Amino acid sequence: MDSRALHYYHLLHLTGGVVGFKPGQFHHLSVYENVVAGFSVWYVSLFYVLAMAALCLHLDHGIWSMLQTIGWNNARTSRTLQALSRVIALVVFFGFISVPVAVMAGWLR
């Protein structure tokens, strides 16, 4: 899936309330309520988590490639740099999915 499509879905979902909401459920500028309502739908949350997984796989590869391009990769640093790129991608992944997971778990109401 094209990253632009994910961006447009995100804008249509949480900014415009066009997708993922029942009629009258989205309220302009009620961010907290819209996030909770939007991620209360299991398939929307699942889609978001899967999209974040794809994004973070891409991020892991991108960070690793950047570190190689700037010349930091050699026999001594290769494992450390791979681990660093993976850790950064995982931190981003868990940070982003914490919101839909918290909503689906009932921690946010």
PDB file of N, CA and C in Angstrom:
ATOM      1  N   MET A   1       0.847  -1.180   0.000  1.00  0.00           N
ATOM      2  CA  MET A   1       0.000   0.000   0.000  1.00  0.00           C
ATOM      3  C   MET A   1       0.888   1.237   0.000  1.00  0.00           C
ATOM      4  N   ASP A   2       0.496   2.187  -0.779  1.00  0.00           N
ATOM      5  CA  ASP A   2       1.224   3.437  -0.898  1.00  0.00           C
ATOM      6  C   ASP A   2       1.112   4.227   0.410  1.00  0.00           C
ATOM      7  N   SER A   3       2.209   4.818   0.850  1.00  0.00           N
ATOM      8  CA  SER A   3       2.190   5.583   2.097  1.00  0.00           C
ATOM      9  C   SER A   3       1.258   6.788   2.006  1.00  0.00           C
ATOM     10  N   ARG A   4       1.057   7.307   0.786  1.00  0.00           N
ATOM     11  CA  ARG A   4       0.110   8.426   0.633  1.00  0.00           C
ATOM     12  C   ARG A   4      -1.308   7.979   0.956  1.00  0.00           C
ATOM     13  N   ALA A   5      -1.646   6.743   0.580  1.00  0.00           N
ATOM     14  CA  ALA A   5      -2.983   6.228   0.876  1.00  0.00           C
ATOM     15  C   ALA A   5      -3.195   6.153   2.388  1.00  0.00           C
ATOM     16  N   LEU A   6      -2.171   5.723   3.132  1.00  0.00           N
ATOM     17  CA  LEU A   6      -2.278   5.682   4.598  1.00  0.00           C
ATOM     18  C   LEU A   6      -2.430   7.089   5.164  1.00  0.00           C
ATOM     19  N   HIS A   7      -1.702   8.019   4.597  1.00  0.00           N
ATOM     20  CA  HIS A   7      -1.793   9.408   5.043  1.00  0.00           C
ATOM     21  C   HIS A   7      -3.204   9.947   4.799  1.00  0.00           C
ATOM     22  N   TYR A   8      -3.744   9.692   3.614  1.00  0.00           N
ATOM     23  CA  TYR A   8      -5.097  10.164   3.297  1.00  0.00           C
ATOM     24  C   TYR A   8      -6.130   9.502   4.198  1.00  0.00           C
ATOM     25  N   TYR A   9      -5.958   8.209   4.474  1.00  0.00           N
ATOM     26  CA  TYR A   9      -6.899   7.532   5.369  1.00  0.00           C
ATOM     27  C   TYR A   9      -6.857   8.184   6.747  1.00  0.00           C
ATOM     28  N   HIS A  10      -5.647   8.442   7.231  1.00  0.00           N
ATOM     29  CA  HIS A  10      -5.498   9.077   8.540  1.00  0.00           C
ATOM     30  C   HIS A  10      -6.198  10.432   8.568  1.00  0.00           C
ATOM     31  N   LEU A  11      -6.008  11.219   7.523  1.00  0.00           N
ATOM     32  CA  LEU A  11      -6.671  12.529   7.459  1.00  0.00           C
ATOM     33  C   LEU A  11      -8.188  12.384   7.379  1.00  0.00           C
ATOM     34  N   LEU A  12      -8.669  11.458   6.564  1.00  0.00           N
ATOM     35  CA  LEU A  12     -10.110  11.244   6.450  1.00  0.00           C
ATOM     36  C   LEU A  12     -10.701  10.711   7.753  1.00  0.00           C
ATOM     37  N   HIS A  13      -9.920   9.915   8.467  1.00  0.00           N
ATOM     38  CA  HIS A  13     -10.416   9.296   9.702  1.00  0.00           C
ATOM     39  C   HIS A  13     -10.413  10.282  10.866  1.00  0.00           C
ATOM     40  N   LEU A  14      -9.246  10.741  11.276  1.00  0.00           N
ATOM     41  CA  LEU A  14      -9.157  11.507  12.521  1.00  0.00           C
ATOM     42  C   LEU A  14      -9.248  13.016  12.339  1.00  0.00           C
ATOM     43  N   THR A  15      -9.010  13.517  11.137  1.00  0.00           N
ATOM     44  CA  THR A  15      -9.103  14.960  10.920  1.00  0.00           C
ATOM     45  C   THR A  15     -10.465  15.364  10.383  1.00  0.00           C
ATOM     46  N   GLY A  16     -10.969  14.582   9.432  1.00  0.00           N
ATOM     47  CA  GLY A  16     -12.242  14.940   8.816  1.00  0.00           C
ATOM     48  C   GLY A  16     -13.441  14.164   9.319  1.00  0.00           C
ATOM     49  N   GLY A  17     -13.207  13.006   9.935  1.00  0.00           N
ATOM     50  CA  GLY A  17     -14.322  12.190  10.416  1.00  0.00           C
ATOM     51  C   GLY A  17     -15.145  11.573   9.305  1.00  0.00           C
ATOM     52  N   VAL A  18     -14.552  11.452   8.117  1.00  0.00           N
ATOM     53  CA  VAL A  18     -15.278  10.946   6.952  1.00  0.00           C
ATOM     54  C   VAL A  18     -15.396   9.428   6.982  1.00  0.00           C
ATOM     55  N   VAL A  19     -14.379   8.738   7.495  1.00  0.00           N
ATOM     56  CA  VAL A  19     -14.397   7.270   7.561  1.00  0.00           C
ATOM     57  C   VAL A  19     -14.204   6.815   8.998  1.00  0.00           C
ATOM     58  N   GLY A  20     -14.784   5.667   9.336  1.00  0.00           N
ATOM     59  CA  GLY A  20     -14.585   5.064  10.644  1.00  0.00           C
ATOM     60  C   GLY A  20     -15.492   5.571  11.747  1.00  0.00           C
ATOM     61  N   PHE A  21     -16.432   6.424  11.413  1.00  0.00           N
ATOM     62  CA  PHE A  21     -17.347   6.966  12.408  1.00  0.00           C
ATOM     63  C   PHE A  21     -18.784   6.750  11.948  1.00  0.00           C
ATOM     64  N   LYS A  22     -19.664   6.555  12.916  1.00  0.00           N
ATOM     65  CA  LYS A  22     -21.094   6.522  12.617  1.00  0.00           C
ATOM     66  C   LYS A  22     -21.556   7.965  12.404  1.00  0.00           C
ATOM     67  N   PRO A  23     -22.648   8.168  11.661  1.00  0.00           N
ATOM     68  CA  PRO A  23     -23.139   9.540  11.453  1.00  0.00           C
ATOM     69  C   PRO A  23     -23.362  10.270  12.784  1.00  0.00           C
ATOM     70  N   GLY A  24     -22.845  11.480  12.881  1.00  0.00           N
ATOM     71  CA  GLY A  24     -23.008  12.300  14.078  1.00  0.00           C
ATOM     72  C   GLY A  24     -22.032  11.989  15.197  1.00  0.00           C
ATOM     73  N   GLN A  25     -21.171  10.976  15.015  1.00  0.00           N
ATOM     74  CA  GLN A  25     -20.248  10.587  16.082  1.00  0.00           C
ATOM     75  C   GLN A  25     -18.990  11.461  16.116  1.00  0.00           C
ATOM     76  N   PHE A  26     -18.561  11.960  14.980  1.00  0.00           N
ATOM     77  CA  PHE A  26     -17.356  12.800  14.901  1.00  0.00           C
ATOM     78  C   PHE A  26     -17.729  14.232  15.248  1.00  0.00           C
ATOM     79  N   HIS A  27     -16.928  14.859  16.122  1.00  0.00           N
ATOM     80  CA  HIS A  27     -17.150  16.251  16.509  1.00  0.00           C
ATOM     81  C   HIS A  27     -15.867  17.043  16.269  1.00  0.00           C
ATOM     82  N   HIS A  28     -15.959  18.044  15.410  1.00  0.00           N
ATOM     83  CA  HIS A  28     -14.812  18.864  15.059  1.00  0.00           C
ATOM     84  C   HIS A  28     -14.150  19.436  16.316  1.00  0.00           C
ATOM     85  N   LEU A  29     -12.821  19.303  16.409  1.00  0.00           N
ATOM     86  CA  LEU A  29     -11.978  19.795  17.497  1.00  0.00           C
ATOM     87  C   LEU A  29     -12.147  19.058  18.826  1.00  0.00           C
ATOM     88  N   SER A  30     -12.880  17.960  18.859  1.00  0.00           N
ATOM     89  CA  SER A  30     -12.983  17.126  20.062  1.00  0.00           C
ATOM     90  C   SER A  30     -12.023  15.955  19.891  1.00  0.00           C
ATOM     91  N   VAL A  31     -10.749  16.262  19.979  1.00  0.00           N
ATOM     92  CA  VAL A  31      -9.707  15.301  19.622  1.00  0.00           C
ATOM     93  C   VAL A  31      -9.786  14.035  20.463  1.00  0.00           C
ATOM     94  N   TYR A  32      -9.819  14.154  21.765  1.00  0.00           N
ATOM     95  CA  TYR A  32      -9.832  12.983  22.651  1.00  0.00           C
ATOM     96  C   TYR A  32     -11.032  12.092  22.350  1.00  0.00           C
ATOM     97  N   GLU A  33     -12.207  12.690  22.286  1.00  0.00           N
ATOM     98  CA  GLU A  33     -13.425  11.917  22.031  1.00  0.00           C
ATOM     99  C   GLU A  33     -13.386  11.256  20.652  1.00  0.00           C
ATOM    100  N   ASN A  34     -12.864  11.959  19.652  1.00  0.00           N
ATOM    101  CA  ASN A  34     -12.774  11.397  18.301  1.00  0.00           C
ATOM    102  C   ASN A  34     -11.781  10.244  18.231  1.00  0.00           C
ATOM    103  N   VAL A  35     -10.674  10.354  18.928  1.00  0.00           N
ATOM    104  CA  VAL A  35      -9.687   9.268  18.949  1.00  0.00           C
ATOM    105  C   VAL A  35     -10.293   8.034  19.607  1.00  0.00           C
ATOM    106  N   VAL A  36     -10.944   8.218  20.740  1.00  0.00           N
ATOM    107  CA  VAL A  36     -11.559   7.076  21.431  1.00  0.00           C
ATOM    108  C   VAL A  36     -12.657   6.462  20.571  1.00  0.00           C
ATOM    109  N   ALA A  37     -13.511   7.276  20.004  1.00  0.00           N
ATOM    110  CA  ALA A  37     -14.589   6.748  19.155  1.00  0.00           C
ATOM    111  C   ALA A  37     -14.027   6.083  17.901  1.00  0.00           C
ATOM    112  N   GLY A  38     -13.033   6.706  17.294  1.00  0.00           N
ATOM    113  CA  GLY A  38     -12.467   6.174  16.058  1.00  0.00           C
ATOM    114  C   GLY A  38     -11.751   4.852  16.247  1.00  0.00           C
ATOM    115  N   PHE A  39     -11.034   4.691  17.345  1.00  0.00           N
ATOM    116  CA  PHE A  39     -10.305   3.456  17.583  1.00  0.00           C
ATOM    117  C   PHE A  39     -11.122   2.424  18.361  1.00  0.00           C
ATOM    118  N   SER A  40     -12.353   2.722  18.666  1.00  0.00           N
ATOM    119  CA  SER A  40     -13.225   1.744  19.315  1.00  0.00           C
ATOM    120  C   SER A  40     -13.718   0.686  18.332  1.00  0.00           C
ATOM    121  N   VAL A  41     -13.550   0.936  17.059  1.00  0.00           N
ATOM    122  CA  VAL A  41     -13.934  -0.012  16.010  1.00  0.00           C
ATOM    123  C   VAL A  41     -12.732  -0.925  15.778  1.00  0.00           C
ATOM    124  N   TRP A  42     -12.899  -2.236  16.046  1.00  0.00           N
ATOM    125  CA  TRP A  42     -11.754  -3.150  16.052  1.00  0.00           C
ATOM    126  C   TRP A  42     -11.015  -3.197  14.722  1.00  0.00           C
ATOM    127  N   TYR A  43     -11.737  -3.187  13.604  1.00  0.00           N
ATOM    128  CA  TYR A  43     -11.040  -3.311  12.326  1.00  0.00           C
ATOM    129  C   TYR A  43     -10.282  -2.034  11.966  1.00  0.00           C
ATOM    130  N   VAL A  44     -10.718  -0.898  12.462  1.00  0.00           N
ATOM    131  CA  VAL A  44      -9.974   0.346  12.256  1.00  0.00           C
ATOM    132  C   VAL A  44      -8.668   0.284  13.055  1.00  0.00           C
ATOM    133  N   SER A  45      -8.753  -0.171  14.301  1.00  0.00           N
ATOM    134  CA  SER A  45      -7.551  -0.306  15.126  1.00  0.00           C
ATOM    135  C   SER A  45      -6.586  -1.329  14.543  1.00  0.00           C
ATOM    136  N   LEU A  46      -7.116  -2.450  14.072  1.00  0.00           N
ATOM    137  CA  LEU A  46      -6.267  -3.473  13.471  1.00  0.00           C
ATOM    138  C   LEU A  46      -5.561  -2.925  12.229  1.00  0.00           C
ATOM    139  N   PHE A  47      -6.297  -2.231  11.385  1.00  0.00           N
ATOM    140  CA  PHE A  47      -5.706  -1.623  10.190  1.00  0.00           C
ATOM    141  C   PHE A  47      -4.592  -0.658  10.579  1.00  0.00           C
ATOM    142  N   TYR A  48      -4.833   0.144  11.594  1.00  0.00           N
ATOM    143  CA  TYR A  48      -3.849   1.119  12.048  1.00  0.00           C
ATOM    144  C   TYR A  48      -2.585   0.419  12.547  1.00  0.00           C
ATOM    145  N   VAL A  49      -2.749  -0.637  13.351  1.00  0.00           N
ATOM    146  CA  VAL A  49      -1.600  -1.376  13.881  1.00  0.00           C
ATOM    147  C   VAL A  49      -0.806  -2.012  12.736  1.00  0.00           C
ATOM    148  N   LEU A  50      -1.499  -2.611  11.770  1.00  0.00           N
ATOM    149  CA  LEU A  50      -0.807  -3.209  10.626  1.00  0.00           C
ATOM    150  C   LEU A  50      -0.084  -2.155   9.789  1.00  0.00           C
ATOM    151  N   ALA A  51      -0.713  -1.012   9.619  1.00  0.00           N
ATOM    152  CA  ALA A  51      -0.069   0.078   8.873  1.00  0.00           C
ATOM    153  C   ALA A  51       1.174   0.568   9.611  1.00  0.00           C
ATOM    154  N   MET A  52       1.106   0.647  10.926  1.00  0.00           N
ATOM    155  CA  MET A  52       2.273   1.070  11.707  1.00  0.00           C
ATOM    156  C   MET A  52       3.388   0.025  11.639  1.00  0.00           C
ATOM    157  N   ALA A  53       3.018  -1.253  11.581  1.00  0.00           N
ATOM    158  CA  ALA A  53       4.030  -2.306  11.437  1.00  0.00           C
ATOM    159  C   ALA A  53       4.764  -2.135  10.110  1.00  0.00           C
ATOM    160  N   ALA A  54       4.013  -1.899   9.040  1.00  0.00           N
ATOM    161  CA  ALA A  54       4.636  -1.690   7.724  1.00  0.00           C
ATOM    162  C   ALA A  54       5.512  -0.443   7.738  1.00  0.00           C
ATOM    163  N   LEU A  55       5.011   0.628   8.332  1.00  0.00           N
ATOM    164  CA  LEU A  55       5.781   1.866   8.423  1.00  0.00           C
ATOM    165  C   LEU A  55       7.088   1.644   9.170  1.00  0.00           C
ATOM    166  N   CYS A  56       7.037   0.912  10.260  1.00  0.00           N
ATOM    167  CA  CYS A  56       8.229   0.737  11.080  1.00  0.00           C
ATOM    168  C   CYS A  56       9.224  -0.248  10.469  1.00  0.00           C
ATOM    169  N   LEU A  57       8.750  -1.200   9.681  1.00  0.00           N
ATOM    170  CA  LEU A  57       9.682  -2.024   8.907  1.00  0.00           C
ATOM    171  C   LEU A  57      10.435  -1.135   7.917  1.00  0.00           C
ATOM    172  N   HIS A  58       9.709  -0.248   7.301  1.00  0.00           N
ATOM    173  CA  HIS A  58      10.310   0.704   6.361  1.00  0.00           C
ATOM    174  C   HIS A  58      11.296   1.618   7.097  1.00  0.00           C
ATOM    175  N   LEU A  59      10.919   2.080   8.268  1.00  0.00           N
ATOM    176  CA  LEU A  59      11.775   2.955   9.070  1.00  0.00           C
ATOM    177  C   LEU A  59      13.063   2.231   9.474  1.00  0.00           C
ATOM    178  N   ASP A  60      12.946   0.980   9.900  1.00  0.00           N
ATOM    179  CA  ASP A  60      14.112   0.183  10.275  1.00  0.00           C
ATOM    180  C   ASP A  60      15.094   0.100   9.112  1.00  0.00           C
ATOM    181  N   HIS A  61      14.576  -0.222   7.948  1.00  0.00           N
ATOM    182  CA  HIS A  61      15.421  -0.320   6.764  1.00  0.00           C
ATOM    183  C   HIS A  61      16.015   1.051   6.396  1.00  0.00           C
ATOM    184  N   GLY A  62      15.206   2.083   6.499  1.00  0.00           N
ATOM    185  CA  GLY A  62      15.671   3.423   6.142  1.00  0.00           C
ATOM    186  C   GLY A  62      16.773   3.930   7.052  1.00  0.00           C
ATOM    187  N   ILE A  63      16.638   3.707   8.346  1.00  0.00           N
ATOM    188  CA  ILE A  63      17.679   4.143   9.287  1.00  0.00           C
ATOM    189  C   ILE A  63      18.969   3.376   9.018  1.00  0.00           C
ATOM    190  N   TRP A  64      18.837   2.064   8.849  1.00  0.00           N
ATOM    191  CA  TRP A  64      20.001   1.226   8.561  1.00  0.00           C
ATOM    192  C   TRP A  64      20.691   1.694   7.275  1.00  0.00           C
ATOM    193  N   SER A  65      19.921   1.948   6.249  1.00  0.00           N
ATOM    194  CA  SER A  65      20.488   2.395   4.974  1.00  0.00           C
ATOM    195  C   SER A  65      21.149   3.756   5.104  1.00  0.00           C
ATOM    196  N   MET A  66      20.537   4.656   5.869  1.00  0.00           N
ATOM    197  CA  MET A  66      21.119   5.971   6.082  1.00  0.00           C
ATOM    198  C   MET A  66      22.479   5.858   6.770  1.00  0.00           C
ATOM    199  N   LEU A  67      22.545   5.006   7.798  1.00  0.00           N
ATOM    200  CA  LEU A  67      23.795   4.836   8.526  1.00  0.00           C
ATOM    201  C   LEU A  67      24.884   4.230   7.631  1.00  0.00           C
ATOM    202  N   GLN A  68      24.487   3.362   6.715  1.00  0.00           N
ATOM    203  CA  GLN A  68      25.443   2.822   5.755  1.00  0.00           C
ATOM    204  C   GLN A  68      25.898   3.919   4.782  1.00  0.00           C
ATOM    205  N   THR A  69      24.948   4.704   4.306  1.00  0.00           N
ATOM    206  CA  THR A  69      25.249   5.742   3.320  1.00  0.00           C
ATOM    207  C   THR A  69      26.216   6.779   3.864  1.00  0.00           C
ATOM    208  N   ILE A  70      26.056   7.154   5.119  1.00  0.00           N
ATOM    209  CA  ILE A  70      26.961   8.165   5.674  1.00  0.00           C
ATOM    210  C   ILE A  70      28.289   7.562   6.123  1.00  0.00           C
ATOM    211  N   GLY A  71      28.447   6.250   5.928  1.00  0.00           N
ATOM    212  CA  GLY A  71      29.736   5.618   6.149  1.00  0.00           C
ATOM    213  C   GLY A  71      30.013   5.138   7.553  1.00  0.00           C
ATOM    214  N   TRP A  72      28.994   5.017   8.375  1.00  0.00           N
ATOM    215  CA  TRP A  72      29.211   4.567   9.746  1.00  0.00           C
ATOM    216  C   TRP A  72      29.282   3.054   9.860  1.00  0.00           C
ATOM    217  N   ASN A  73      28.941   2.350   8.805  1.00  0.00           N
ATOM    218  CA  ASN A  73      28.907   0.893   8.842  1.00  0.00           C
ATOM    219  C   ASN A  73      30.276   0.323   8.505  1.00  0.00           C
ATOM    220  N   ASN A  74      30.765  -0.538   9.364  1.00  0.00           N
ATOM    221  CA  ASN A  74      31.972  -1.310   9.085  1.00  0.00           C
ATOM    222  C   ASN A  74      31.851  -2.616   9.865  1.00  0.00           C
ATOM    223  N   ALA A  75      32.840  -3.446   9.790  1.00  0.00           N
ATOM    224  CA  ALA A  75      32.777  -4.763  10.439  1.00  0.00           C
ATOM    225  C   ALA A  75      32.579  -4.632  11.954  1.00  0.00           C
ATOM    226  N   ARG A  76      33.125  -3.604  12.539  1.00  0.00           N
ATOM    227  CA  ARG A  76      33.041  -3.423  13.988  1.00  0.00           C
ATOM    228  C   ARG A  76      31.689  -2.863  14.443  1.00  0.00           C
ATOM    229  N   THR A  77      31.066  -2.002  13.632  1.00  0.00           N
ATOM    230  CA  THR A  77      29.849  -1.309  14.068  1.00  0.00           C
ATOM    231  C   THR A  77      28.558  -1.879  13.474  1.00  0.00           C
ATOM    232  N   SER A  78      28.665  -2.813  12.565  1.00  0.00           N
ATOM    233  CA  SER A  78      27.491  -3.291  11.828  1.00  0.00           C
ATOM    234  C   SER A  78      26.367  -3.789  12.735  1.00  0.00           C
ATOM    235  N   ARG A  79      26.694  -4.680  13.656  1.00  0.00           N
ATOM    236  CA  ARG A  79      25.650  -5.232  14.554  1.00  0.00           C
ATOM    237  C   ARG A  79      25.020  -4.149  15.431  1.00  0.00           C
ATOM    238  N   THR A  80      25.837  -3.258  15.931  1.00  0.00           N
ATOM    239  CA  THR A  80      25.331  -2.185  16.794  1.00  0.00           C
ATOM    240  C   THR A  80      24.397  -1.269  16.023  1.00  0.00           C
ATOM    241  N   LEU A  81      24.767  -0.920  14.816  1.00  0.00           N
ATOM    242  CA  LEU A  81      23.927  -0.029  14.010  1.00  0.00           C
ATOM    243  C   LEU A  81      22.626  -0.708  13.588  1.00  0.00           C
ATOM    244  N   GLN A  82      22.697  -1.998  13.280  1.00  0.00           N
ATOM    245  CA  GLN A  82      21.460  -2.733  12.965  1.00  0.00           C
ATOM    246  C   GLN A  82      20.545  -2.759  14.176  1.00  0.00           C
ATOM    247  N   ALA A  83      21.114  -3.019  15.339  1.00  0.00           N
ATOM    248  CA  ALA A  83      20.317  -3.044  16.565  1.00  0.00           C
ATOM    249  C   ALA A  83      19.727  -1.665  16.857  1.00  0.00           C
ATOM    250  N   LEU A  84      20.510  -0.615  16.654  1.00  0.00           N
ATOM    251  CA  LEU A  84      20.030   0.746  16.875  1.00  0.00           C
ATOM    252  C   LEU A  84      18.844   1.060  15.975  1.00  0.00           C
ATOM    253  N   SER A  85      18.945   0.737  14.698  1.00  0.00           N
ATOM    254  CA  SER A  85      17.839   1.022  13.779  1.00  0.00           C
ATOM    255  C   SER A  85      16.604   0.216  14.160  1.00  0.00           C
ATOM    256  N   ARG A  86      16.789  -1.014  14.596  1.00  0.00           N
ATOM    257  CA  ARG A  86      15.658  -1.843  15.007  1.00  0.00           C
ATOM    258  C   ARG A  86      15.002  -1.305  16.273  1.00  0.00           C
ATOM    259  N   VAL A  87      15.806  -0.878  17.236  1.00  0.00           N
ATOM    260  CA  VAL A  87      15.275  -0.334  18.493  1.00  0.00           C
ATOM    261  C   VAL A  87      14.479   0.946  18.231  1.00  0.00           C
ATOM    262  N   ILE A  88      15.008   1.826  17.406  1.00  0.00           N
ATOM    263  CA  ILE A  88      14.296   3.073  17.085  1.00  0.00           C
ATOM    264  C   ILE A  88      12.962   2.750  16.426  1.00  0.00           C
ATOM    265  N   ALA A  89      12.961   1.831  15.466  1.00  0.00           N
ATOM    266  CA  ALA A  89      11.720   1.453  14.786  1.00  0.00           C
ATOM    267  C   ALA A  89      10.723   0.837  15.767  1.00  0.00           C
ATOM    268  N   LEU A  90      11.195   0.007  16.694  1.00  0.00           N
ATOM    269  CA  LEU A  90      10.294  -0.607  17.671  1.00  0.00           C
ATOM    270  C   LEU A  90       9.721   0.417  18.650  1.00  0.00           C
ATOM    271  N   VAL A  91      10.538   1.375  19.060  1.00  0.00           N
ATOM    272  CA  VAL A  91      10.043   2.433  19.953  1.00  0.00           C
ATOM    273  C   VAL A  91       8.942   3.230  19.255  1.00  0.00           C
ATOM    274  N   VAL A  92       9.166   3.580  18.010  1.00  0.00           N
ATOM    275  CA  VAL A  92       8.152   4.306  17.240  1.00  0.00           C
ATOM    276  C   VAL A  92       6.893   3.452  17.094  1.00  0.00           C
ATOM    277  N   PHE A  93       7.065   2.175  16.757  1.00  0.00           N
ATOM    278  CA  PHE A  93       5.925   1.268  16.582  1.00  0.00           C
ATOM    279  C   PHE A  93       5.086   1.185  17.854  1.00  0.00           C
ATOM    280  N   PHE A  94       5.730   0.875  18.977  1.00  0.00           N
ATOM    281  CA  PHE A  94       4.967   0.729  20.220  1.00  0.00           C
ATOM    282  C   PHE A  94       4.378   2.062  20.685  1.00  0.00           C
ATOM    283  N   GLY A  95       5.063   3.151  20.417  1.00  0.00           N
ATOM    284  CA  GLY A  95       4.503   4.454  20.758  1.00  0.00           C
ATOM    285  C   GLY A  95       3.231   4.748  19.980  1.00  0.00           C
ATOM    286  N   PHE A  96       3.275   4.492  18.669  1.00  0.00           N
ATOM    287  CA  PHE A  96       2.099   4.771  17.843  1.00  0.00           C
ATOM    288  C   PHE A  96       0.936   3.815  18.108  1.00  0.00           C
ATOM    289  N   ILE A  97       1.230   2.540  18.341  1.00  0.00           N
ATOM    290  CA  ILE A  97       0.106   1.610  18.550  1.00  0.00           C
ATOM    291  C   ILE A  97      -0.441   1.662  19.973  1.00  0.00           C
ATOM    292  N   SER A  98       0.242   2.370  20.865  1.00  0.00           N
ATOM    293  CA  SER A  98      -0.242   2.437  22.243  1.00  0.00           C
ATOM    294  C   SER A  98      -1.631   3.067  22.325  1.00  0.00           C
ATOM    295  N   VAL A  99      -1.935   3.992  21.437  1.00  0.00           N
ATOM    296  CA  VAL A  99      -3.240   4.655  21.484  1.00  0.00           C
ATOM    297  C   VAL A  99      -4.373   3.699  21.092  1.00  0.00           C
ATOM    298  N   PRO A 100      -4.346   3.068  19.911  1.00  0.00           N
ATOM    299  CA  PRO A 100      -5.444   2.147  19.604  1.00  0.00           C
ATOM    300  C   PRO A 100      -5.503   0.951  20.549  1.00  0.00           C
ATOM    301  N   VAL A 101      -4.361   0.481  21.027  1.00  0.00           N
ATOM    302  CA  VAL A 101      -4.369  -0.631  21.984  1.00  0.00           C
ATOM    303  C   VAL A 101      -5.025  -0.193  23.297  1.00  0.00           C
ATOM    304  N   ALA A 102      -4.701   1.004  23.761  1.00  0.00           N
ATOM    305  CA  ALA A 102      -5.302   1.520  25.000  1.00  0.00           C
ATOM    306  C   ALA A 102      -6.817   1.687  24.849  1.00  0.00           C
ATOM    307  N   VAL A 103      -7.254   2.140  23.689  1.00  0.00           N
ATOM    308  CA  VAL A 103      -8.696   2.290  23.468  1.00  0.00           C
ATOM    309  C   VAL A 103      -9.372   0.924  23.444  1.00  0.00           C
ATOM    310  N   MET A 104      -8.789  -0.011  22.684  1.00  0.00           N
ATOM    311  CA  MET A 104      -9.398  -1.340  22.577  1.00  0.00           C
ATOM    312  C   MET A 104      -9.374  -2.095  23.916  1.00  0.00           C
ATOM    313  N   ALA A 105      -8.368  -1.835  24.753  1.00  0.00           N
ATOM    314  CA  ALA A 105      -8.273  -2.483  26.063  1.00  0.00           C
ATOM    315  C   ALA A 105      -9.198  -1.829  27.083  1.00  0.00           C
ATOM    316  N   GLY A 106      -9.780  -0.687  26.739  1.00  0.00           N
ATOM    317  CA  GLY A 106     -10.685  -0.001  27.657  1.00  0.00           C
ATOM    318  C   GLY A 106      -9.976   0.919  28.636  1.00  0.00           C
ATOM    319  N   TRP A 107      -8.690   1.170  28.412  1.00  0.00           N
ATOM    320  CA  TRP A 107      -7.941   2.059  29.299  1.00  0.00           C
ATOM    321  C   TRP A 107      -8.266   3.516  29.047  1.00  0.00           C
ATOM    322  N   LEU A 108      -8.749   3.823  27.843  1.00  0.00           N
ATOM    323  CA  LEU A 108      -9.193   5.172  27.504  1.00  0.00           C
ATOM    324  C   LEU A 108     -10.681   5.116  27.202  1.00  0.00           C
ATOM    325  N   ARG A 109     -11.420   5.996  27.796  1.00  0.00           N
ATOM    326  CA  ARG A 109     -12.873   6.023  27.576  1.00  0.00           C
ATOM    327  C   ARG A 109     -13.322   7.440  27.310  1.00  0.00           C
TER     328      ARG A 109
END
